[in-house]
N, C-alpha and C. Protein backbone atom coordinates (compact mmCIF):
# COMPACT_ATOMS: atom_id res chain seq x y z
N MET A 1 151.67 262.81 100.67
CA MET A 1 152.44 261.65 101.15
C MET A 1 152.03 261.18 102.43
N ARG A 2 151.42 259.88 102.72
CA ARG A 2 151.15 259.36 104.13
C ARG A 2 152.18 259.06 104.84
N THR A 3 151.87 258.94 106.29
CA THR A 3 153.04 258.74 107.29
C THR A 3 153.60 257.06 106.86
N GLU A 4 152.74 256.37 106.47
CA GLU A 4 153.25 254.91 106.00
C GLU A 4 154.13 255.23 105.20
N ASP A 5 153.98 255.97 103.71
CA ASP A 5 154.94 256.28 102.58
C ASP A 5 156.15 256.82 103.24
N PHE A 6 156.24 257.76 104.17
CA PHE A 6 157.38 258.41 104.61
C PHE A 6 158.08 257.60 105.10
N TRP A 7 157.77 256.34 106.23
CA TRP A 7 158.40 255.47 106.60
C TRP A 7 159.18 254.32 105.45
N GLN A 8 158.17 253.81 104.61
CA GLN A 8 158.51 252.95 103.72
C GLN A 8 159.74 253.75 102.83
N LEU A 9 159.77 254.87 102.60
CA LEU A 9 160.79 255.48 101.78
C LEU A 9 161.88 255.51 102.69
N ILE A 10 162.08 255.53 103.97
CA ILE A 10 163.21 255.47 104.76
C ILE A 10 163.66 253.94 104.80
N ASP A 11 162.50 253.02 105.12
CA ASP A 11 163.19 251.35 104.95
C ASP A 11 163.86 251.20 103.62
N GLN A 12 163.20 251.98 102.57
CA GLN A 12 163.80 251.65 101.07
C GLN A 12 165.48 251.95 101.38
N ALA A 13 165.37 253.35 101.74
CA ALA A 13 166.86 253.80 101.71
C ALA A 13 167.56 253.25 102.87
N ARG A 14 167.08 252.33 103.65
CA ARG A 14 168.20 251.72 104.71
C ARG A 14 168.63 250.32 103.85
N SER A 15 167.64 249.72 103.25
CA SER A 15 168.30 248.68 102.68
C SER A 15 169.24 248.89 101.74
N GLY A 16 170.43 248.05 101.67
CA GLY A 16 171.53 248.43 101.18
C GLY A 16 172.42 249.35 101.32
N ALA A 17 172.00 250.30 102.55
CA ALA A 17 172.91 251.29 102.82
C ALA A 17 174.11 250.62 104.14
N GLY A 18 173.95 249.39 104.27
CA GLY A 18 174.90 249.14 105.30
C GLY A 18 174.78 249.44 106.70
N GLY A 19 173.66 249.97 107.15
CA GLY A 19 173.66 250.41 108.37
C GLY A 19 174.40 252.04 108.85
N GLU A 20 174.66 252.56 107.84
CA GLU A 20 175.41 253.61 107.74
C GLU A 20 174.38 254.74 107.62
N ALA A 21 174.44 255.67 108.80
CA ALA A 21 173.51 256.70 108.63
C ALA A 21 173.34 257.74 107.74
N ASP A 22 174.38 258.18 107.13
CA ASP A 22 174.88 259.11 105.96
C ASP A 22 174.55 258.44 104.86
N ALA A 23 174.78 257.01 104.61
CA ALA A 23 174.22 256.35 103.31
C ALA A 23 173.19 256.03 103.34
N VAL A 24 172.09 256.14 104.30
CA VAL A 24 170.65 255.97 104.34
C VAL A 24 170.10 257.46 103.97
N ALA A 25 170.79 258.67 104.60
CA ALA A 25 170.41 259.82 103.76
C ALA A 25 170.69 260.10 102.44
N ALA A 26 171.78 259.51 101.84
CA ALA A 26 171.90 259.98 100.31
C ALA A 26 170.96 259.08 99.63
N ARG A 27 170.87 257.87 100.17
CA ARG A 27 169.60 257.19 99.36
C ARG A 27 168.44 257.54 99.47
N ALA A 28 167.94 258.02 100.64
CA ALA A 28 166.76 258.77 100.77
C ALA A 28 166.67 260.06 99.76
N VAL A 29 167.50 260.66 99.74
CA VAL A 29 167.67 262.07 98.88
C VAL A 29 167.19 261.17 97.54
N ALA A 30 168.01 260.36 96.83
CA ALA A 30 167.99 259.69 95.63
C ALA A 30 166.60 259.08 95.29
N LEU A 31 166.06 258.54 96.38
CA LEU A 31 164.69 257.92 96.16
C LEU A 31 163.40 258.81 95.92
N LEU A 32 163.64 260.12 97.00
CA LEU A 32 162.80 261.02 96.98
C LEU A 32 162.94 261.90 95.74
N ALA A 33 164.12 262.37 95.52
CA ALA A 33 164.14 262.89 94.11
C ALA A 33 163.33 262.35 93.07
N GLU A 34 163.30 260.97 92.83
CA GLU A 34 162.36 260.31 91.82
C GLU A 34 161.15 260.73 91.84
N ARG A 35 160.45 261.15 92.88
CA ARG A 35 158.99 261.19 93.06
C ARG A 35 158.47 262.61 92.65
N ALA A 36 157.27 262.86 92.56
CA ALA A 36 156.65 264.20 92.42
C ALA A 36 157.18 265.20 93.42
N PRO A 37 156.80 266.49 92.96
CA PRO A 37 157.47 267.72 94.00
C PRO A 37 156.36 267.57 95.01
N GLN A 38 155.29 267.25 94.68
CA GLN A 38 154.42 267.27 95.91
C GLN A 38 154.58 266.14 96.99
N ASP A 39 155.09 265.11 96.51
CA ASP A 39 155.43 263.80 97.40
C ASP A 39 156.69 264.56 98.32
N ILE A 40 157.46 265.29 97.75
CA ILE A 40 158.81 265.86 98.37
C ILE A 40 158.33 266.69 99.31
N VAL A 41 157.20 267.65 99.27
CA VAL A 41 156.58 268.46 100.17
C VAL A 41 155.84 267.87 101.20
N GLY A 42 155.39 266.62 100.81
CA GLY A 42 154.34 265.86 101.93
C GLY A 42 155.58 265.10 102.85
N TYR A 43 156.94 264.58 102.03
CA TYR A 43 157.80 263.98 103.00
C TYR A 43 158.52 265.22 104.04
N ALA A 44 158.64 266.50 103.72
CA ALA A 44 159.23 267.25 104.48
C ALA A 44 158.09 267.62 105.62
N HIS A 45 157.06 267.76 105.27
CA HIS A 45 155.80 268.00 106.52
C HIS A 45 156.02 266.65 107.35
N HIS A 46 155.91 265.53 106.86
CA HIS A 46 155.87 264.17 107.96
C HIS A 46 157.56 264.41 108.53
N GLN A 47 158.49 264.75 108.00
CA GLN A 47 159.51 265.00 108.86
C GLN A 47 159.53 265.76 109.93
N ARG A 48 158.70 267.00 109.83
CA ARG A 48 158.43 268.28 110.86
C ARG A 48 157.80 267.49 111.97
N ARG A 49 156.86 266.87 111.46
CA ARG A 49 156.07 266.29 112.53
C ARG A 49 157.01 265.09 113.29
N VAL A 50 157.46 264.26 112.54
CA VAL A 50 158.45 263.05 113.33
C VAL A 50 159.57 263.96 114.39
N LEU A 51 160.04 265.06 113.71
CA LEU A 51 161.01 265.74 114.54
C LEU A 51 160.19 266.30 116.08
N ALA A 52 158.88 266.89 115.56
CA ALA A 52 158.24 267.69 116.63
C ALA A 52 158.00 266.55 117.62
N ALA A 53 157.41 265.34 117.21
CA ALA A 53 157.32 264.24 118.32
C ALA A 53 158.25 263.80 118.90
N SER A 54 159.46 263.89 118.69
CA SER A 54 160.51 263.28 119.08
C SER A 54 161.75 264.54 120.13
N TYR A 55 160.90 265.56 120.02
CA TYR A 55 161.56 266.85 120.84
C TYR A 55 161.17 266.74 122.22
N ARG A 56 161.72 265.75 123.11
CA ARG A 56 161.25 265.29 124.26
C ARG A 56 162.50 265.19 125.31
N VAL A 57 162.48 265.92 126.53
CA VAL A 57 163.48 265.87 127.29
C VAL A 57 164.05 264.50 127.59
N ASP A 58 163.01 263.74 127.74
CA ASP A 58 163.61 261.95 128.35
C ASP A 58 164.65 261.71 127.01
N LEU A 59 164.04 261.89 125.72
CA LEU A 59 165.12 261.63 124.73
C LEU A 59 166.12 262.14 124.43
N TRP A 60 166.12 263.84 124.79
CA TRP A 60 167.45 264.41 125.07
C TRP A 60 168.39 263.65 125.86
N GLY A 61 167.96 263.44 126.99
CA GLY A 61 168.73 262.88 128.03
C GLY A 61 169.21 261.51 127.49
N ALA A 62 168.64 260.88 126.85
CA ALA A 62 169.39 259.54 126.31
C ALA A 62 170.31 259.88 125.37
N ALA A 63 170.11 260.88 124.35
CA ALA A 63 171.28 261.26 123.46
C ALA A 63 172.48 261.83 123.96
N TYR A 64 172.16 262.32 125.20
CA TYR A 64 173.22 263.03 126.03
C TYR A 64 173.95 262.04 126.76
N LEU A 65 173.65 260.74 127.04
CA LEU A 65 174.11 259.79 127.95
C LEU A 65 175.03 258.87 126.67
N ILE A 66 174.17 258.85 125.64
CA ILE A 66 175.02 258.02 124.66
C ILE A 66 176.05 258.41 124.15
N ASN A 67 176.03 259.88 123.57
CA ASN A 67 176.82 260.58 122.84
C ASN A 67 178.02 261.41 123.86
N GLY A 68 177.81 261.34 124.95
CA GLY A 68 178.79 261.80 126.06
C GLY A 68 178.46 263.38 126.21
N GLY A 69 177.42 263.85 125.68
CA GLY A 69 176.89 265.28 125.67
C GLY A 69 176.30 265.72 124.26
N VAL A 70 175.35 266.69 124.43
CA VAL A 70 174.92 266.81 123.17
C VAL A 70 174.04 268.35 123.50
N SER A 71 174.55 269.30 122.49
CA SER A 71 174.04 270.49 122.45
C SER A 71 172.55 270.47 121.73
N ASP A 72 171.96 271.85 121.41
CA ASP A 72 170.76 272.00 120.49
C ASP A 72 170.97 271.21 119.35
N ASP A 73 171.92 271.59 118.47
CA ASP A 73 172.19 270.91 117.21
C ASP A 73 172.35 269.47 117.12
N GLY A 74 173.26 269.09 118.27
CA GLY A 74 173.47 267.57 118.47
C GLY A 74 172.46 266.88 118.70
N PHE A 75 171.33 267.38 119.35
CA PHE A 75 170.24 266.90 119.66
C PHE A 75 169.47 266.57 118.05
N GLU A 76 169.43 267.72 117.52
CA GLU A 76 168.93 267.36 115.94
C GLU A 76 169.37 266.53 115.48
N TYR A 77 170.69 266.24 115.04
CA TYR A 77 171.47 265.35 114.57
C TYR A 77 171.08 263.92 115.08
N PHE A 78 171.05 263.70 116.40
CA PHE A 78 170.90 262.83 116.96
C PHE A 78 169.35 261.79 116.77
N ARG A 79 168.52 262.81 116.41
CA ARG A 79 167.19 262.73 116.03
C ARG A 79 167.18 262.26 114.46
N GLY A 80 168.20 262.78 113.61
CA GLY A 80 168.32 262.51 112.31
C GLY A 80 168.81 261.07 112.23
N TRP A 81 169.73 260.85 113.22
CA TRP A 81 170.34 259.40 113.06
C TRP A 81 168.98 258.36 113.47
N LEU A 82 168.50 258.71 114.42
CA LEU A 82 167.35 257.92 114.90
C LEU A 82 166.32 257.58 114.03
N MET A 83 165.91 258.58 112.83
CA MET A 83 165.33 258.20 111.71
C MET A 83 165.57 257.48 111.04
N THR A 84 167.09 257.18 110.76
CA THR A 84 167.59 256.09 109.86
C THR A 84 167.64 254.74 110.35
N GLN A 85 167.33 254.71 111.55
CA GLN A 85 167.12 253.36 112.19
C GLN A 85 165.96 252.95 112.13
N GLY A 86 164.85 253.53 111.36
CA GLY A 86 163.57 253.21 110.85
C GLY A 86 162.38 253.46 111.90
N ARG A 87 161.01 253.33 111.51
CA ARG A 87 160.15 253.65 112.40
C ARG A 87 160.04 252.69 113.80
N ALA A 88 160.22 251.39 113.54
CA ALA A 88 160.00 250.76 114.94
C ALA A 88 160.73 251.30 116.17
N VAL A 89 162.10 251.39 115.78
CA VAL A 89 163.05 251.76 116.51
C VAL A 89 162.78 253.42 116.80
N PHE A 90 162.37 254.25 116.10
CA PHE A 90 162.27 255.60 116.40
C PHE A 90 160.84 255.63 117.42
N ALA A 91 160.10 255.11 117.04
CA ALA A 91 158.77 255.12 117.68
C ALA A 91 158.99 254.64 119.26
N ALA A 92 159.53 253.58 119.19
CA ALA A 92 160.27 252.52 120.45
C ALA A 92 160.73 253.82 121.35
N ALA A 93 161.82 254.60 120.62
CA ALA A 93 162.74 255.47 121.34
C ALA A 93 162.01 256.69 122.13
N VAL A 94 161.00 257.02 121.27
CA VAL A 94 160.20 258.04 121.70
C VAL A 94 159.45 257.84 122.64
N ALA A 95 158.80 256.66 122.63
CA ALA A 95 157.90 256.14 123.49
C ALA A 95 158.62 255.85 124.95
N ALA A 96 160.01 255.18 124.87
CA ALA A 96 160.65 254.82 125.93
C ALA A 96 162.17 254.78 125.50
N PRO A 97 162.72 256.19 125.58
CA PRO A 97 164.03 256.53 125.32
C PRO A 97 165.40 255.12 125.84
N ASP A 98 164.72 254.90 126.93
CA ASP A 98 165.86 253.59 127.73
C ASP A 98 165.72 252.47 126.58
N SER A 99 164.91 252.36 126.05
CA SER A 99 164.89 251.20 124.86
C SER A 99 166.11 251.02 123.89
N LEU A 100 166.54 252.22 124.02
CA LEU A 100 167.73 252.54 123.03
C LEU A 100 168.78 251.40 123.42
N ALA A 101 168.82 251.12 124.66
CA ALA A 101 170.05 250.41 125.20
C ALA A 101 169.84 249.18 124.70
N GLU A 102 168.90 248.44 124.26
CA GLU A 102 168.69 247.29 123.70
C GLU A 102 169.39 247.18 122.18
N LEU A 103 169.50 248.12 121.56
CA LEU A 103 170.26 248.22 120.27
C LEU A 103 171.48 247.86 120.19
N PRO A 104 172.15 246.80 119.74
CA PRO A 104 173.54 246.28 119.60
C PRO A 104 174.54 247.58 119.35
N ARG A 105 174.40 248.17 118.52
CA ARG A 105 175.08 249.34 117.91
C ARG A 105 175.27 250.29 119.15
N VAL A 106 174.18 250.54 119.94
CA VAL A 106 174.41 251.51 120.96
C VAL A 106 175.03 250.72 122.12
N ARG A 107 174.66 249.56 122.17
CA ARG A 107 175.64 248.76 123.42
C ARG A 107 177.03 248.92 123.17
N SER A 108 177.52 248.59 122.10
CA SER A 108 178.78 248.70 121.66
C SER A 108 179.44 249.87 121.64
N ALA A 109 178.52 251.04 121.55
CA ALA A 109 179.13 252.38 121.58
C ALA A 109 179.68 252.87 123.08
N ALA A 110 178.97 252.06 124.23
CA ALA A 110 179.39 252.26 125.48
C ALA A 110 180.80 251.67 125.58
N LEU A 111 181.52 250.75 124.74
CA LEU A 111 183.11 250.80 124.84
C LEU A 111 183.80 251.27 123.75
N SER A 112 183.12 251.74 122.52
CA SER A 112 183.90 252.06 121.41
C SER A 112 183.96 253.58 121.43
N GLY A 113 182.81 254.48 122.08
CA GLY A 113 182.83 255.61 122.07
C GLY A 113 181.86 256.42 120.96
N GLU A 114 181.38 255.46 120.27
CA GLU A 114 180.62 256.20 118.83
C GLU A 114 179.63 256.92 119.18
N GLU A 115 179.53 257.99 118.40
CA GLU A 115 178.28 258.97 118.39
C GLU A 115 177.50 258.79 117.47
N PHE A 116 176.28 259.25 117.66
CA PHE A 116 175.02 258.76 116.57
C PHE A 116 174.39 260.29 116.33
N GLU A 117 175.03 260.75 115.21
CA GLU A 117 174.45 261.66 114.64
C GLU A 117 174.21 261.56 112.95
N CYS A 118 173.18 262.11 112.43
CA CYS A 118 173.15 262.29 111.10
C CYS A 118 172.53 263.49 110.64
N GLU A 119 173.30 264.89 110.39
CA GLU A 119 172.77 265.99 110.10
C GLU A 119 172.03 265.84 108.70
N ASP A 120 172.66 265.07 107.56
CA ASP A 120 172.30 264.97 106.55
C ASP A 120 170.92 264.44 106.36
N MET A 121 170.67 263.65 107.09
CA MET A 121 169.16 263.09 107.21
C MET A 121 168.11 264.22 107.38
N LEU A 122 168.19 265.25 108.10
CA LEU A 122 167.46 266.44 108.23
C LEU A 122 167.18 267.20 106.85
N ALA A 123 168.31 266.92 106.09
CA ALA A 123 168.35 267.88 105.04
C ALA A 123 167.59 267.31 103.59
N VAL A 124 167.09 266.04 103.67
CA VAL A 124 166.56 265.23 102.87
C VAL A 124 165.67 265.79 102.02
N PRO A 125 164.70 266.41 102.44
CA PRO A 125 163.49 267.10 101.55
C PRO A 125 164.09 268.24 100.86
N TRP A 126 165.06 268.77 101.55
CA TRP A 126 165.34 270.03 100.79
C TRP A 126 166.37 269.77 99.60
N GLU A 127 167.32 268.73 99.76
CA GLU A 127 168.27 268.18 98.81
C GLU A 127 167.50 267.37 97.77
N ALA A 128 166.41 266.60 97.88
CA ALA A 128 165.62 265.85 96.98
C ALA A 128 164.93 266.86 95.95
N TYR A 129 164.24 268.06 96.74
CA TYR A 129 163.67 268.95 95.91
C TYR A 129 164.49 269.54 94.92
N ARG A 130 165.56 270.12 95.43
CA ARG A 130 166.64 270.84 94.62
C ARG A 130 167.05 269.86 93.42
N LYS A 131 167.42 268.79 93.85
CA LYS A 131 167.51 267.56 92.71
C LYS A 131 166.64 267.38 91.61
N ALA A 132 165.29 267.32 92.22
CA ALA A 132 164.09 266.88 91.29
C ALA A 132 163.87 268.21 90.50
N THR A 133 164.14 269.55 90.96
CA THR A 133 163.09 270.67 90.45
C THR A 133 164.21 271.84 90.01
N ALA A 134 165.43 271.70 90.62
CA ALA A 134 166.26 272.77 90.49
C ALA A 134 165.98 274.09 91.05
N THR A 135 165.21 273.89 92.21
CA THR A 135 164.60 274.90 92.95
C THR A 135 164.61 275.01 94.20
N ASP A 136 164.43 275.95 95.16
CA ASP A 136 164.23 275.69 96.68
C ASP A 136 162.86 275.02 97.13
N LEU A 137 162.97 274.16 97.94
CA LEU A 137 161.75 273.40 98.53
C LEU A 137 161.10 274.81 99.15
N PRO A 138 159.49 274.92 98.67
CA PRO A 138 158.82 276.02 99.21
C PRO A 138 158.63 276.02 100.74
N ALA A 139 158.77 277.31 101.10
CA ALA A 139 158.62 277.59 102.88
C ALA A 139 157.29 276.70 103.28
N GLU A 140 157.57 276.30 104.44
CA GLU A 140 156.61 275.52 104.99
C GLU A 140 155.45 276.56 105.52
N ARG A 141 154.18 275.78 105.12
CA ARG A 141 153.11 276.78 105.42
C ARG A 141 152.36 276.33 106.79
N ASP A 142 152.59 275.08 107.08
CA ASP A 142 152.13 274.67 108.33
C ASP A 142 152.98 274.05 109.48
N ARG A 143 152.96 275.17 110.39
CA ARG A 143 154.15 275.08 111.52
C ARG A 143 153.61 274.02 112.43
N VAL A 144 154.51 272.94 112.73
CA VAL A 144 154.05 271.84 113.61
C VAL A 144 154.49 272.44 115.23
N PRO A 145 153.57 272.31 116.04
CA PRO A 145 154.10 272.95 117.24
C PRO A 145 155.05 271.98 118.17
N VAL A 146 156.17 272.44 118.58
CA VAL A 146 157.01 271.80 119.27
C VAL A 146 156.68 271.65 120.97
N PRO A 147 157.03 270.49 121.56
CA PRO A 147 156.37 270.42 122.72
C PRO A 147 157.28 271.30 123.60
N ASP A 148 156.85 272.09 124.85
CA ASP A 148 157.61 272.57 125.92
C ASP A 148 158.70 271.55 126.53
N LEU A 149 159.72 272.31 126.79
CA LEU A 149 160.83 271.50 127.44
C LEU A 149 161.16 271.72 128.80
N ASN A 150 159.95 272.44 129.49
CA ASN A 150 160.39 273.04 130.99
C ASN A 150 160.84 272.08 132.11
N ASP A 151 160.61 270.81 131.65
CA ASP A 151 160.82 269.96 132.81
C ASP A 151 162.50 269.18 132.53
N PHE A 152 163.29 269.75 132.23
CA PHE A 152 164.54 269.50 131.88
C PHE A 152 165.23 269.14 133.43
N TRP A 153 166.04 267.88 133.36
CA TRP A 153 166.77 267.53 134.25
C TRP A 153 168.56 267.61 134.14
N ASP A 154 169.04 267.55 135.25
CA ASP A 154 170.62 267.78 134.90
C ASP A 154 171.14 266.34 134.56
N PHE A 155 171.55 266.28 132.96
CA PHE A 155 171.80 265.26 132.50
C PHE A 155 173.43 264.64 133.10
N ASP A 156 174.09 265.39 133.85
CA ASP A 156 175.34 265.04 134.20
C ASP A 156 175.18 264.57 135.72
N ASP A 157 173.82 264.52 136.37
CA ASP A 157 173.62 263.86 137.75
C ASP A 157 173.45 262.65 137.64
N GLU A 158 174.43 261.73 137.91
CA GLU A 158 174.54 260.29 137.71
C GLU A 158 173.34 259.36 138.26
N GLU A 159 172.91 259.84 139.29
CA GLU A 159 171.48 259.36 140.34
C GLU A 159 170.52 259.60 139.26
N GLU A 160 170.45 260.53 138.87
CA GLU A 160 169.15 261.28 138.17
C GLU A 160 168.99 260.34 136.79
N ALA A 161 170.00 260.31 136.46
CA ALA A 161 170.19 259.31 135.00
C ALA A 161 169.83 258.16 135.33
N ARG A 162 170.40 257.54 136.43
CA ARG A 162 170.18 255.97 136.84
C ARG A 162 168.56 255.64 137.13
N ARG A 163 167.93 256.77 137.76
CA ARG A 163 166.58 256.64 137.97
C ARG A 163 165.73 256.80 136.46
N ARG A 164 166.09 257.80 135.79
CA ARG A 164 165.28 258.07 134.63
C ARG A 164 165.54 257.22 133.50
N LEU A 165 166.86 256.71 133.12
CA LEU A 165 167.05 256.09 132.06
C LEU A 165 168.07 255.01 132.79
N PRO A 166 167.60 253.94 133.60
CA PRO A 166 168.42 252.82 133.93
C PRO A 166 169.25 251.88 133.20
N LYS A 167 168.71 251.73 131.97
CA LYS A 167 169.57 250.74 131.08
C LYS A 167 170.65 251.42 130.54
N LEU A 168 170.49 252.55 130.03
CA LEU A 168 171.45 253.62 129.36
C LEU A 168 172.32 254.05 130.33
N ALA A 169 171.92 254.52 131.46
CA ALA A 169 172.91 254.81 132.32
C ALA A 169 174.03 253.51 132.88
N ALA A 170 173.36 252.31 133.01
CA ALA A 170 174.23 251.05 133.31
C ALA A 170 175.13 250.92 132.11
N LEU A 171 174.92 251.33 130.95
CA LEU A 171 175.66 251.08 129.89
C LEU A 171 176.80 252.35 129.97
N PHE A 172 176.53 253.69 130.14
CA PHE A 172 177.19 255.06 130.01
C PHE A 172 177.52 255.74 130.99
N VAL A 173 176.92 255.69 132.28
CA VAL A 173 177.29 256.42 133.54
C VAL A 173 178.47 255.70 134.01
N GLU A 174 178.52 254.24 134.04
CA GLU A 174 179.85 253.15 134.34
C GLU A 174 179.91 252.20 133.43
N PRO A 175 180.44 252.89 132.05
CA PRO A 175 180.52 251.89 130.92
C PRO A 175 181.34 250.66 131.59
N PRO A 176 180.69 249.53 130.68
CA PRO A 176 181.06 248.17 131.09
C PRO A 176 182.60 247.99 130.85
N GLU A 177 183.32 247.08 131.41
CA GLU A 177 184.62 246.73 131.16
C GLU A 177 184.92 245.97 129.85
N GLU A 178 185.83 246.33 129.08
CA GLU A 178 186.21 245.43 128.08
C GLU A 178 186.36 244.23 128.04
């Protein structure tokens, strides 16, 4: 499976899911389970690469602001949700996490308190492989390196949040009035 195929499958899953992350994940499992086992393994490989590329301190800070705090697992689930938003949104968020402030749903979350997580999206290849073959997804042979996160900053430091993520800080450090 090529990177383009990976994102096309997610786009297919997005259509008809009504914008709900868990529905995108369920549709992705169904679509992927219809493919050959080697395609499912390829999807798992691309998912590991996408998750490694998004394992960035600045994106973690964005998730922290948006969700009102985020643990290690919460950051994983946030990136699962981010995958359900499609390639363009995902790539923009990895390149410039403050771009998430432009998403209408994120903007409305400043008022509603909605949190963005999708643990189910992270399990798509495993669920699809089990559904297609009645066996477990083979263990990964190729470890994708994860970037070093030594430059953490204090996500609760409002001034630092304003400096690093000004658009998101404007929404979530001092949320707008209703």
